Every structure is written in structure tokens, then in C-alpha cells.
Amino acid sequence: MAVHDAMDVLNGKWKISIVAALCFNKKRYSDLLKDVRGISGKMLSRELKEMELNQLVKRTVLDTRPVTVEYELTDYGQNLKIVIKNLAMWGLEHRKQIIGK
């Protein structure tokens, strides 16, 4: 089933948050670590590698001193922006539903 395929790629606690953090611009690893609250460095590294394998994220090593690594959504990963937008809208509606605001 297609939903199961999508959930296999976006499984876990962090991938949606990482995609959301990358929706608007490239980010360095340290920026992602700050933006995705609660994630450990080891877990962020693991998730980014899986997302790279699934062609959602592109990793670019810049020739700087010290070396800088940037992450961005691939063109394919950009397709998830609408999913993130809809999920955020649903989250706002759900909050209103539950707390009545």
C-alpha cells in the first residue's frame, strides 16, 4: 500500500522535523541540531544518512577551513513540502479542536 511505502521512508520520530527544517533553505549540521529540538547528534547523523539514501536530502561538503557540510532537500525531497504544510495545518486545527481555541 502506498501509505506504508511513505511511512517506511518517513518513519521514526525525527524525519518529518528534519524535512520541515530544510523546507526553506540549506542548513549546516549544527543548525539542524539546533532546529530539531531534542535530537542527539548521533541520531541526526543516522537520519540524514537514511534520508540521503532515499534521495530526499543532498549533502554537500564545502571546501572551507574547517570543512563545512550543508544539507538541503533534493528536488525529489521538495515534493514533501506540501505534505509538511498540510500536516502543520492539520496540527493547528487539531489543537483548536482539543483545547477549543
Protein backbone atom coordinates (compact mmCIF):
# COMPACT_ATOMS: atom_id res chain seq x y z
CA MET A 1 0.00 0.00 0.00
CA ALA A 2 1.30 3.46 -0.89
CA VAL A 3 0.81 4.89 2.62
CA HIS A 4 3.00 2.12 4.03
CA ASP A 5 5.70 2.91 1.46
CA ALA A 6 5.66 6.57 2.50
CA MET A 7 5.73 5.69 6.19
CA ASP A 8 8.70 3.37 5.63
CA VAL A 9 10.67 6.30 4.21
CA LEU A 10 9.49 8.85 6.79
CA ASN A 11 9.38 6.53 9.78
CA GLY A 12 10.58 7.47 13.22
CA LYS A 13 10.35 10.49 15.39
CA TRP A 14 12.69 12.84 13.54
CA LYS A 15 12.48 12.68 9.75
CA ILE A 16 9.41 14.91 9.40
CA SER A 17 11.06 17.51 11.66
CA ILE A 18 14.26 17.37 9.61
CA VAL A 19 12.31 17.83 6.37
CA ALA A 20 10.43 20.76 7.93
CA ALA A 21 13.73 22.36 9.00
CA LEU A 22 15.07 22.05 5.44
CA CYS A 23 11.93 23.27 3.65
CA PHE A 24 13.12 26.80 3.02
CA ASN A 25 16.90 26.73 2.79
CA LYS A 26 20.12 24.80 3.15
CA LYS A 27 21.37 24.18 6.66
CA ARG A 28 24.60 23.14 8.25
CA TYR A 29 24.64 20.12 10.52
CA SER A 30 24.96 22.31 13.62
CA ASP A 31 21.95 24.39 12.53
CA LEU A 32 19.87 21.25 12.10
CA LEU A 33 20.94 20.06 15.52
CA LYS A 34 19.58 23.33 16.98
CA ASP A 35 16.41 23.41 14.87
CA VAL A 36 15.34 19.82 15.53
CA ARG A 37 14.89 20.09 19.28
CA GLY A 38 15.70 17.02 21.31
CA ILE A 39 17.57 15.06 18.65
CA SER A 40 21.03 13.77 19.52
CA GLY A 41 23.96 14.26 17.18
CA LYS A 42 24.24 10.52 16.60
CA MET A 43 20.55 10.23 15.70
CA LEU A 44 20.65 13.27 13.40
CA SER A 45 23.61 11.76 11.59
CA ARG A 46 21.82 8.43 11.18
CA GLU A 47 18.59 10.04 9.97
CA LEU A 48 20.40 12.26 7.44
CA LYS A 49 22.24 9.23 6.03
CA GLU A 50 18.96 7.33 5.59
CA MET A 51 17.33 10.37 4.01
CA GLU A 52 20.29 10.70 1.65
CA LEU A 53 19.92 7.04 0.65
CA ASN A 54 16.23 7.67 -0.05
CA GLN A 55 17.20 10.68 -2.21
CA LEU A 56 15.35 13.17 -0.01
CA VAL A 57 18.41 15.08 1.18
CA LYS A 58 21.57 16.21 -0.57
CA ARG A 59 24.82 16.51 1.40
CA THR A 60 27.40 18.99 0.14
CA VAL A 61 30.91 19.27 1.56
CA LEU A 62 32.27 22.78 1.07
CA ASP A 63 35.98 23.43 0.60
CA THR A 64 36.39 25.64 3.67
CA ARG A 65 38.59 25.57 6.74
CA PRO A 66 37.25 23.97 8.83
CA VAL A 67 35.24 21.86 6.41
CA THR A 68 31.58 22.88 6.23
CA VAL A 69 28.83 20.42 5.38
CA GLU A 70 25.44 21.64 4.17
CA TYR A 71 22.21 19.72 3.79
CA GLU A 72 19.28 20.57 1.56
CA LEU A 73 16.22 18.87 0.19
CA THR A 74 16.72 17.35 -3.23
CA ASP A 75 14.26 18.20 -5.99
CA TYR A 76 12.57 14.92 -5.12
CA GLY A 77 12.55 15.82 -1.41
CA GLN A 78 10.97 19.19 -2.25
CA ASN A 79 7.79 17.25 -3.03
CA LEU A 80 7.39 16.74 0.71
CA LYS A 81 6.83 20.47 1.30
CA ILE A 82 3.12 20.14 0.57
CA VAL A 83 2.92 17.18 2.96
CA ILE A 84 4.60 19.24 5.71
CA LYS A 85 2.31 22.22 5.01
CA ASN A 86 -0.80 20.05 5.21
CA LEU A 87 0.44 18.30 8.34
CA ALA A 88 1.07 21.68 10.00
CA MET A 89 -2.40 22.92 9.04
CA TRP A 90 -3.96 19.75 10.44
CA GLY A 91 -1.92 20.18 13.63
CA LEU A 92 -3.29 23.70 14.12
CA GLU A 93 -6.85 22.50 13.56
CA HIS A 94 -6.32 19.60 15.92
CA ARG A 95 -5.01 21.93 18.61
CA LYS A 96 -8.13 24.11 18.19
CA GLN A 97 -10.34 21.02 18.35
CA ILE A 98 -8.76 19.70 21.51
CA ILE A 99 -8.21 22.88 23.52
CA GLY A 100 -11.05 24.86 21.98
CA LYS A 101 -9.01 27.82 20.69
